[in-house]
Protein backbone atom coordinates (compact mmCIF):
# COMPACT_ATOMS: atom_id res chain seq x y z
CA MET A 1 104.30 106.76 105.29
CA ASP A 2 101.83 109.13 103.69
CA PHE A 3 98.83 110.47 105.53
CA LEU A 4 95.38 111.16 104.13
CA GLU A 5 93.65 114.33 105.31
CA ILE A 6 90.03 113.97 106.43
CA THR A 7 87.64 116.36 108.11
CA PRO A 8 87.05 115.98 111.86
CA GLN A 9 83.48 114.92 111.06
CA GLU A 10 84.80 112.01 108.96
CA LEU A 11 86.72 110.55 111.89
CA ASN A 12 84.82 107.36 112.62
CA GLU A 13 86.26 106.59 116.05
CA GLY A 14 84.83 107.12 119.51
CA ALA A 15 86.60 109.65 121.72
CA CYS A 16 86.21 107.47 124.83
CA LYS A 17 88.03 104.62 123.11
CA LEU A 18 90.66 106.77 121.37
CA ILE A 19 91.61 108.74 124.47
CA GLY A 20 90.52 106.65 127.44
CA LYS A 21 91.44 103.19 126.20
CA ASP A 22 93.95 103.62 123.36
CA TRP A 23 95.61 106.74 124.88
CA MET A 24 97.15 109.61 122.96
CA LEU A 25 100.37 111.58 122.86
CA VAL A 26 100.13 115.32 123.45
CA THR A 27 103.11 116.89 121.69
CA ALA A 28 104.34 120.47 121.39
CA GLY A 29 107.53 122.35 120.75
CA ASN A 30 109.55 123.71 117.89
CA ARG A 31 112.18 122.46 115.48
CA GLU A 32 114.87 122.79 118.16
CA LYS A 33 113.09 121.09 121.08
CA VAL A 34 109.97 118.91 121.34
CA ASN A 35 108.34 117.17 124.26
CA THR A 36 105.45 114.76 124.54
CA MET A 37 103.32 113.06 127.17
CA THR A 38 100.84 110.23 127.18
CA ALA A 39 97.28 111.20 128.09
CA SER A 40 94.17 109.18 128.78
CA TRP A 41 91.92 112.06 129.85
CA GLY A 42 90.39 114.56 127.46
CA GLY A 43 87.70 114.78 124.86
CA LEU A 44 86.65 115.51 121.31
CA GLY A 45 83.56 117.36 120.23
CA GLU A 46 82.21 120.71 119.17
CA MET A 47 82.81 124.06 120.87
CA TRP A 48 82.04 127.57 119.66
CA ALA A 49 80.83 126.18 116.32
CA ARG A 50 84.24 124.54 115.73
CA PRO A 51 85.50 120.97 115.94
CA ALA A 52 87.36 120.82 119.22
CA ALA A 53 89.70 118.78 121.36
CA PHE A 54 89.77 119.10 125.14
CA VAL A 55 93.18 118.46 126.67
CA VAL A 56 94.06 118.50 130.36
CA ILE A 57 97.59 118.74 131.72
CA ARG A 58 98.81 118.85 135.31
CA PRO A 59 101.17 121.71 136.23
CA THR A 60 103.99 119.30 137.08
CA ARG A 61 104.21 117.90 133.55
CA TYR A 62 107.18 119.12 131.53
CA THR A 63 105.08 119.00 128.36
CA LYS A 64 102.87 121.76 129.82
CA GLU A 65 105.73 124.24 129.37
CA PHE A 66 105.86 123.36 125.66
CA VAL A 67 102.09 123.56 125.25
CA ASP A 68 101.97 126.93 127.01
CA ALA A 69 104.71 128.29 124.74
CA SER A 70 103.04 127.09 121.52
CA ASP A 71 99.97 128.19 119.59
CA THR A 72 99.51 124.69 118.18
CA LEU A 73 100.13 121.13 119.31
CA SER A 74 99.41 117.64 118.07
CA LEU A 75 97.34 114.81 119.44
CA THR A 76 98.38 111.46 118.03
CA PHE A 77 96.88 107.98 118.29
CA TYR A 78 98.60 104.65 117.67
CA PRO A 79 98.07 101.01 116.85
CA GLU A 80 98.07 98.71 119.90
CA ARG A 81 101.61 97.53 119.10
CA TYR A 82 102.89 100.93 120.37
CA ARG A 83 101.45 100.46 123.87
CA LYS A 84 104.92 99.91 125.38
CA GLU A 85 106.22 103.19 123.90
CA LEU A 86 103.13 105.10 125.06
CA SER A 87 103.52 103.68 128.56
CA TYR A 88 107.19 104.68 128.61
CA LEU A 89 106.48 108.21 127.32
CA GLY A 90 103.88 108.64 130.05
CA SER A 91 106.12 107.50 132.88
CA VAL A 92 109.43 109.29 132.16
CA SER A 93 110.01 113.03 132.12
CA GLY A 94 111.66 114.79 129.21
CA ARG A 95 113.38 116.92 131.84
CA ASP A 96 115.44 113.90 132.87
CA GLU A 97 116.28 112.24 129.56
CA ASP A 98 115.69 112.38 125.82
CA LYS A 99 112.66 110.16 126.09
CA ILE A 100 111.52 110.71 122.51
CA ARG A 101 114.81 109.41 121.12
CA ARG A 102 114.76 106.48 123.56
CA SER A 103 111.16 105.63 122.58
CA GLY A 104 112.20 105.06 118.98
CA LEU A 105 109.40 107.25 117.61
CA THR A 106 110.17 109.62 114.75
CA VAL A 107 109.37 113.33 115.08
CA ALA A 108 107.90 114.97 111.98
CA PHE A 109 106.36 118.39 111.48
CA TYR A 110 103.16 119.63 109.95
CA GLN A 111 104.23 123.19 109.19
CA ASP A 112 105.74 124.03 112.61
CA THR A 113 103.75 121.56 114.73
CA PRO A 114 105.52 118.37 115.81
CA TYR A 115 103.88 114.96 115.60
CA PHE A 116 105.09 111.37 115.18
CA GLU A 117 105.32 109.48 111.89
CA GLU A 118 104.25 106.20 113.52
CA ALA A 119 100.79 107.52 114.46
CA ARG A 120 97.69 106.16 112.78
CA ILE A 121 95.76 109.38 113.49
CA VAL A 122 97.28 112.86 113.82
CA MET A 123 95.30 115.90 114.95
CA ILE A 124 96.86 119.31 114.58
CA VAL A 125 95.08 121.60 117.02
CA ARG A 126 95.24 125.31 117.85
CA LYS A 127 94.71 126.54 121.38
CA LEU A 128 91.60 128.68 121.87
CA TYR A 129 91.22 128.71 125.66
CA ALA A 130 93.13 127.68 128.76
CA ASP A 131 92.18 127.77 132.42
CA THR A 132 93.21 125.89 135.54
CA TYR A 133 90.58 123.92 137.41
CA ARG A 134 89.52 125.60 140.63
CA PRO A 135 88.47 123.62 143.70
CA SER A 136 85.45 125.87 144.23
CA CYS A 137 84.06 124.94 140.80
CA PHE A 138 83.85 121.19 141.45
CA VAL A 139 80.25 120.16 142.00
CA ASP A 140 81.36 116.67 143.03
CA ARG A 141 83.75 117.52 145.88
CA LYS A 142 84.96 113.90 146.10
CA LEU A 143 86.86 114.44 142.85
CA THR A 144 89.13 117.00 144.48
CA GLU A 145 89.78 114.69 147.42
CA THR A 146 90.49 111.58 145.38
CA LEU A 147 92.13 112.98 142.22
CA TYR A 148 93.85 116.09 143.55
CA PRO A 149 95.22 115.35 147.04
CA GLN A 150 98.31 117.45 146.14
CA HIS A 151 96.11 120.29 144.78
CA ASP A 152 97.89 119.93 141.41
CA PHE A 153 94.84 120.86 139.38
CA HIS A 154 94.91 120.33 135.62
CA THR A 155 94.86 123.14 133.13
CA LEU A 156 92.08 122.62 130.61
CA TYR A 157 92.93 123.55 127.03
CA ILE A 158 90.15 123.87 124.49
CA CYS A 159 91.67 123.56 121.05
CA GLU A 160 90.27 123.90 117.57
CA ILE A 161 90.98 120.84 115.45
CA GLN A 162 92.63 122.24 112.32
CA LYS A 163 93.77 119.05 110.58
CA VAL A 164 93.06 115.35 110.92
CA LEU A 165 95.51 113.08 109.16
CA THR A 166 95.03 109.33 108.97
CA ALA A 167 97.45 106.62 107.96
CA ALA A 168 95.58 104.03 105.95
CA GLY A 169 96.39 100.47 106.87
CA ARG A 170 97.81 101.17 110.34
CA SER A 171 95.90 99.29 113.00
């Protein structure tokens, strides 16, 4: 299906709903190997006078290796009917099986950045900044106790949104 390119400012969807409720796939790799993970934490906004996406990935996630090795990645959002696939992609590691093939989703590329044809919204983003959360920087210390008992602190990636592609009629 064809996608229509819009500006990030034309995206008429709330970040809390898109990411927190609908979930997204974070996808990176190259034409030989791609990996993806489901995410429900992150954000969209403005940073350094650029439209930005904020992505967080734990060090144990296989997708982190792909994100770290790539300059760009995709964030994709889906109609509700893909909830089962998103749940599966978030619970199985690409280290252990070809989870993308088993999910039934179709990998496509925007230039060299992988995304999925079934998405209703595709964001192609370029990494600008990455840093791992540090326990000493948490103002609310309860967060480290409740969310990081294994001390597996997320890496925060601030990415410039380069393209937003929408698939008309997919809901």
